[in-house]
Amino acid sequence: MSNRSRRCSAVGSGGGFTLVELAITLVVLGVIGALALPSFLDSIRKSRRSDAYAAVAAVQQAQERWRSNHAEYATSLADLGLGDASVSGYYTIEIGSSAAPGDTLASAYVVTARGRSGTSQAADPQCRHLSMRLRGGNLEYAGCGSCGDFSYGVAHACWPR
């Protein structure tokens, strides 16, 4: 019986990791994590932009309903019966008149979604601020990470088509 017990203890003591192998594994996992995390966070930000798109679309629909009963577009979200936050709360929503010369509330308005402080969208380097402008029946889009003024166009990288 002593041979059997000796054989079992010899088999059990050979397994396991050395401290060097464990350290190498942790370093490799750390490097992989450091490379993958920014890409993962960017994907999350892109997917959460849909919250802004939905909020802007809701304002656009409400503005058209308002305009069908009034001579011009509304100047406040309260008039439209909407709050100042997107559904999931990642963006604050604002409306205003168009800043272009000659535009009036009868034919133009601007909707802007801004990444809410304390959310991942506030750190979006490319599309923290999203804006849509209606001028004379045409929609124009803009977006930026940290701009004061928008450059509107019929297409924009921050807005899916």
C-alpha atoms as a PDB file:
ATOM      1  CA  MET A   1       0.000   0.000   0.000  1.00  0.00           C
ATOM      2  CA  SER A   2       2.887   2.338   0.474  1.00  0.00           C
ATOM      3  CA  ASN A   3       3.663   2.172  -3.285  1.00  0.00           C
ATOM      4  CA  ARG A   4       0.137   3.247  -4.128  1.00  0.00           C
ATOM      5  CA  SER A   5       0.177   6.241  -1.815  1.00  0.00           C
ATOM      6  CA  ARG A   6       3.586   7.248  -3.146  1.00  0.00           C
ATOM      7  CA  ARG A   7       2.283   7.124  -6.734  1.00  0.00           C
ATOM      8  CA  CYS A   8      -0.743   9.338  -5.934  1.00  0.00           C
ATOM      9  CA  SER A   9       1.334  11.993  -4.246  1.00  0.00           C
ATOM     10  CA  ALA A  10       3.812  12.061  -7.135  1.00  0.00           C
ATOM     11  CA  VAL A  11       1.023  12.618  -9.668  1.00  0.00           C
ATOM     12  CA  GLY A  12      -0.602  15.417  -7.616  1.00  0.00           C
ATOM     13  CA  SER A  13       2.535  17.495  -7.016  1.00  0.00           C
ATOM     14  CA  GLY A  14       3.556  17.989 -10.674  1.00  0.00           C
ATOM     15  CA  GLY A  15       0.631  20.309 -11.769  1.00  0.00           C
ATOM     16  CA  GLY A  16       0.122  24.031 -11.436  1.00  0.00           C
ATOM     17  CA  PHE A  17       1.577  27.284 -12.711  1.00  0.00           C
ATOM     18  CA  THR A  18       4.783  28.982 -11.774  1.00  0.00           C
ATOM     19  CA  LEU A  19       4.765  32.610 -10.741  1.00  0.00           C
ATOM     20  CA  VAL A  20       6.504  33.590 -14.009  1.00  0.00           C
ATOM     21  CA  GLU A  21       3.852  31.838 -16.131  1.00  0.00           C
ATOM     22  CA  LEU A  22       1.094  33.558 -14.185  1.00  0.00           C
ATOM     23  CA  ALA A  23       2.778  36.957 -14.602  1.00  0.00           C
ATOM     24  CA  ILE A  24       3.186  36.450 -18.368  1.00  0.00           C
ATOM     25  CA  THR A  25      -0.488  35.464 -18.667  1.00  0.00           C
ATOM     26  CA  LEU A  26      -1.585  38.580 -16.779  1.00  0.00           C
ATOM     27  CA  VAL A  27       0.613  40.821 -18.968  1.00  0.00           C
ATOM     28  CA  VAL A  28      -0.810  39.287 -22.159  1.00  0.00           C
ATOM     29  CA  LEU A  29      -4.391  39.715 -20.891  1.00  0.00           C
ATOM     30  CA  GLY A  30      -3.628  43.310 -19.910  1.00  0.00           C
ATOM     31  CA  VAL A  31      -2.290  44.150 -23.370  1.00  0.00           C
ATOM     32  CA  ILE A  32      -5.291  42.536 -25.070  1.00  0.00           C
ATOM     33  CA  GLY A  33      -7.636  44.429 -22.759  1.00  0.00           C
ATOM     34  CA  ALA A  34      -5.859  47.743 -23.375  1.00  0.00           C
ATOM     35  CA  LEU A  35      -6.196  47.270 -27.128  1.00  0.00           C
ATOM     36  CA  ALA A  36      -9.803  46.047 -27.107  1.00  0.00           C
ATOM     37  CA  LEU A  37     -11.347  48.414 -24.533  1.00  0.00           C
ATOM     38  CA  PRO A  38     -11.230  51.649 -26.604  1.00  0.00           C
ATOM     39  CA  SER A  39     -12.782  49.880 -29.582  1.00  0.00           C
ATOM     40  CA  PHE A  40     -15.482  48.406 -27.364  1.00  0.00           C
ATOM     41  CA  LEU A  41     -16.302  51.799 -25.806  1.00  0.00           C
ATOM     42  CA  ASP A  42     -16.456  53.397 -29.264  1.00  0.00           C
ATOM     43  CA  SER A  43     -18.955  50.750 -30.361  1.00  0.00           C
ATOM     44  CA  ILE A  44     -21.069  51.427 -27.282  1.00  0.00           C
ATOM     45  CA  ARG A  45     -21.072  55.178 -28.022  1.00  0.00           C
ATOM     46  CA  LYS A  46     -22.092  54.579 -31.625  1.00  0.00           C
ATOM     47  CA  SER A  47     -24.968  52.351 -30.584  1.00  0.00           C
ATOM     48  CA  ARG A  48     -26.164  54.891 -27.997  1.00  0.00           C
ATOM     49  CA  ARG A  49     -26.360  57.604 -30.667  1.00  0.00           C
ATOM     50  CA  SER A  50     -29.626  55.960 -31.686  1.00  0.00           C
ATOM     51  CA  ASP A  51     -31.066  57.520 -28.526  1.00  0.00           C
ATOM     52  CA  ALA A  52     -30.325  60.970 -30.006  1.00  0.00           C
ATOM     53  CA  TYR A  53     -31.685  60.016 -33.436  1.00  0.00           C
ATOM     54  CA  ALA A  54     -34.961  58.861 -31.868  1.00  0.00           C
ATOM     55  CA  ALA A  55     -35.270  62.029 -29.779  1.00  0.00           C
ATOM     56  CA  VAL A  56     -34.608  64.284 -32.768  1.00  0.00           C
ATOM     57  CA  ALA A  57     -37.156  62.333 -34.843  1.00  0.00           C
ATOM     58  CA  ALA A  58     -39.739  62.719 -32.059  1.00  0.00           C
ATOM     59  CA  VAL A  59     -39.168  66.482 -32.007  1.00  0.00           C
ATOM     60  CA  GLN A  60     -39.393  66.623 -35.795  1.00  0.00           C
ATOM     61  CA  GLN A  61     -42.750  64.796 -35.781  1.00  0.00           C
ATOM     62  CA  ALA A  62     -44.073  66.962 -32.961  1.00  0.00           C
ATOM     63  CA  GLN A  63     -42.960  70.109 -34.796  1.00  0.00           C
ATOM     64  CA  GLU A  64     -44.865  69.042 -37.918  1.00  0.00           C
ATOM     65  CA  ARG A  65     -48.006  68.369 -35.860  1.00  0.00           C
ATOM     66  CA  TRP A  66     -47.592  71.785 -34.189  1.00  0.00           C
ATOM     67  CA  ARG A  67     -47.039  73.522 -37.556  1.00  0.00           C
ATOM     68  CA  SER A  68     -50.206  71.981 -38.986  1.00  0.00           C
ATOM     69  CA  ASN A  69     -52.220  73.863 -36.320  1.00  0.00           C
ATOM     70  CA  HIS A  70     -50.155  77.075 -36.020  1.00  0.00           C
ATOM     71  CA  ALA A  71     -48.567  79.615 -38.339  1.00  0.00           C
ATOM     72  CA  GLU A  72     -45.009  78.690 -37.354  1.00  0.00           C
ATOM     73  CA  TYR A  73     -42.904  76.055 -35.613  1.00  0.00           C
ATOM     74  CA  ALA A  74     -42.777  75.865 -31.810  1.00  0.00           C
ATOM     75  CA  THR A  75     -39.953  77.515 -29.890  1.00  0.00           C
ATOM     76  CA  SER A  76     -39.961  75.261 -26.821  1.00  0.00           C
ATOM     77  CA  LEU A  77     -40.135  71.574 -26.056  1.00  0.00           C
ATOM     78  CA  ALA A  78     -42.873  72.271 -23.502  1.00  0.00           C
ATOM     79  CA  ASP A  79     -45.123  73.584 -26.305  1.00  0.00           C
ATOM     80  CA  LEU A  80     -44.622  70.244 -28.051  1.00  0.00           C
ATOM     81  CA  GLY A  81     -45.293  68.247 -24.894  1.00  0.00           C
ATOM     82  CA  LEU A  82     -41.761  66.846 -24.825  1.00  0.00           C
ATOM     83  CA  GLY A  83     -39.081  66.758 -22.136  1.00  0.00           C
ATOM     84  CA  ASP A  84     -35.517  67.990 -22.493  1.00  0.00           C
ATOM     85  CA  ALA A  85     -33.914  64.532 -22.248  1.00  0.00           C
ATOM     86  CA  SER A  86     -33.770  61.646 -24.674  1.00  0.00           C
ATOM     87  CA  VAL A  87     -35.643  58.460 -23.798  1.00  0.00           C
ATOM     88  CA  SER A  88     -32.600  56.647 -22.386  1.00  0.00           C
ATOM     89  CA  GLY A  89     -31.187  59.838 -20.876  1.00  0.00           C
ATOM     90  CA  TYR A  90     -27.882  59.946 -22.772  1.00  0.00           C
ATOM     91  CA  TYR A  91     -28.676  63.295 -24.436  1.00  0.00           C
ATOM     92  CA  THR A  92     -30.253  66.641 -23.603  1.00  0.00           C
ATOM     93  CA  ILE A  93     -32.499  68.023 -26.328  1.00  0.00           C
ATOM     94  CA  GLU A  94     -32.881  71.672 -27.360  1.00  0.00           C
ATOM     95  CA  ILE A  95     -34.852  73.380 -30.100  1.00  0.00           C
ATOM     96  CA  GLY A  96     -34.450  76.827 -31.547  1.00  0.00           C
ATOM     97  CA  SER A  97     -34.865  78.902 -34.638  1.00  0.00           C
ATOM     98  CA  SER A  98     -32.458  78.526 -37.507  1.00  0.00           C
ATOM     99  CA  ALA A  99     -29.389  80.728 -37.278  1.00  0.00           C
ATOM    100  CA  ALA A 100     -29.267  81.271 -41.045  1.00  0.00           C
ATOM    101  CA  PRO A 101     -30.062  84.799 -42.278  1.00  0.00           C
ATOM    102  CA  GLY A 102     -33.592  85.230 -43.578  1.00  0.00           C
ATOM    103  CA  ASP A 103     -34.993  82.131 -41.886  1.00  0.00           C
ATOM    104  CA  THR A 104     -38.160  82.499 -39.847  1.00  0.00           C
ATOM    105  CA  LEU A 105     -40.021  80.147 -37.525  1.00  0.00           C
ATOM    106  CA  ALA A 106     -42.563  79.719 -40.308  1.00  0.00           C
ATOM    107  CA  SER A 107     -40.023  77.809 -42.391  1.00  0.00           C
ATOM    108  CA  ALA A 108     -37.090  76.734 -40.227  1.00  0.00           C
ATOM    109  CA  TYR A 109     -36.023  75.309 -36.871  1.00  0.00           C
ATOM    110  CA  VAL A 110     -33.063  73.488 -35.321  1.00  0.00           C
ATOM    111  CA  VAL A 111     -33.033  70.458 -33.017  1.00  0.00           C
ATOM    112  CA  THR A 112     -29.823  69.722 -31.117  1.00  0.00           C
ATOM    113  CA  ALA A 113     -28.960  66.683 -29.010  1.00  0.00           C
ATOM    114  CA  ARG A 114     -25.987  67.116 -26.680  1.00  0.00           C
ATOM    115  CA  GLY A 115     -24.261  64.283 -24.829  1.00  0.00           C
ATOM    116  CA  ARG A 116     -25.407  64.484 -21.226  1.00  0.00           C
ATOM    117  CA  SER A 117     -22.699  65.056 -18.615  1.00  0.00           C
ATOM    118  CA  GLY A 118     -21.942  61.938 -16.608  1.00  0.00           C
ATOM    119  CA  THR A 119     -22.785  59.544 -19.457  1.00  0.00           C
ATOM    120  CA  SER A 120     -20.518  57.843 -21.978  1.00  0.00           C
ATOM    121  CA  GLN A 121     -21.915  60.128 -24.682  1.00  0.00           C
ATOM    122  CA  ALA A 122     -20.359  63.170 -23.022  1.00  0.00           C
ATOM    123  CA  ALA A 123     -16.969  61.662 -23.877  1.00  0.00           C
ATOM    124  CA  ASP A 124     -17.810  60.961 -27.545  1.00  0.00           C
ATOM    125  CA  PRO A 125     -14.881  62.575 -29.401  1.00  0.00           C
ATOM    126  CA  GLN A 126     -16.599  62.631 -32.808  1.00  0.00           C
ATOM    127  CA  CYS A 127     -20.345  63.082 -32.292  1.00  0.00           C
ATOM    128  CA  ARG A 128     -21.008  64.415 -28.798  1.00  0.00           C
ATOM    129  CA  HIS A 129     -23.300  67.087 -30.272  1.00  0.00           C
ATOM    130  CA  LEU A 130     -25.790  66.141 -32.983  1.00  0.00           C
ATOM    131  CA  SER A 131     -27.995  68.662 -34.753  1.00  0.00           C
ATOM    132  CA  MET A 132     -30.692  68.609 -37.414  1.00  0.00           C
ATOM    133  CA  ARG A 133     -31.963  71.737 -39.148  1.00  0.00           C
ATOM    134  CA  LEU A 134     -35.094  72.120 -41.235  1.00  0.00           C
ATOM    135  CA  ARG A 135     -34.917  74.994 -43.723  1.00  0.00           C
ATOM    136  CA  GLY A 136     -37.565  75.490 -46.377  1.00  0.00           C
ATOM    137  CA  GLY A 137     -38.640  71.853 -46.201  1.00  0.00           C
ATOM    138  CA  ASN A 138     -35.100  70.451 -46.492  1.00  0.00           C
ATOM    139  CA  LEU A 139     -33.332  68.591 -43.697  1.00  0.00           C
ATOM    140  CA  GLU A 140     -29.669  69.293 -42.985  1.00  0.00           C
ATOM    141  CA  TYR A 141     -27.472  67.427 -40.505  1.00  0.00           C
ATOM    142  CA  ALA A 142     -24.424  68.253 -38.423  1.00  0.00           C
ATOM    143  CA  GLY A 143     -22.404  66.785 -35.592  1.00  0.00           C
ATOM    144  CA  CYS A 144     -19.157  67.301 -33.749  1.00  0.00           C
ATOM    145  CA  GLY A 145     -17.224  66.351 -30.657  1.00  0.00           C
ATOM    146  CA  SER A 146     -16.670  69.798 -29.162  1.00  0.00           C
ATOM    147  CA  CYS A 147     -17.791  72.546 -31.518  1.00  0.00           C
ATOM    148  CA  GLY A 148     -19.697  75.735 -30.855  1.00  0.00           C
ATOM    149  CA  ASP A 149     -21.182  76.170 -34.329  1.00  0.00           C
ATOM    150  CA  PHE A 150     -22.339  73.427 -36.655  1.00  0.00           C
ATOM    151  CA  SER A 151     -21.574  72.994 -40.344  1.00  0.00           C
ATOM    152  CA  TYR A 152     -24.814  71.654 -41.780  1.00  0.00           C
ATOM    153  CA  GLY A 153     -25.091  69.491 -44.875  1.00  0.00           C
ATOM    154  CA  VAL A 154     -27.462  67.029 -46.501  1.00  0.00           C
ATOM    155  CA  ALA A 155     -25.303  64.190 -45.172  1.00  0.00           C
ATOM    156  CA  HIS A 156     -22.971  63.892 -42.192  1.00  0.00           C
ATOM    157  CA  ALA A 157     -20.749  61.133 -40.778  1.00  0.00           C
ATOM    158  CA  CYS A 158     -22.494  61.262 -37.386  1.00  0.00           C
ATOM    159  CA  TRP A 159     -25.902  60.631 -38.967  1.00  0.00           C
ATOM    160  CA  PRO A 160     -26.717  57.234 -40.501  1.00  0.00           C
ATOM    161  CA  ARG A 161     -28.442  57.129 -43.847  1.00  0.00           C
END
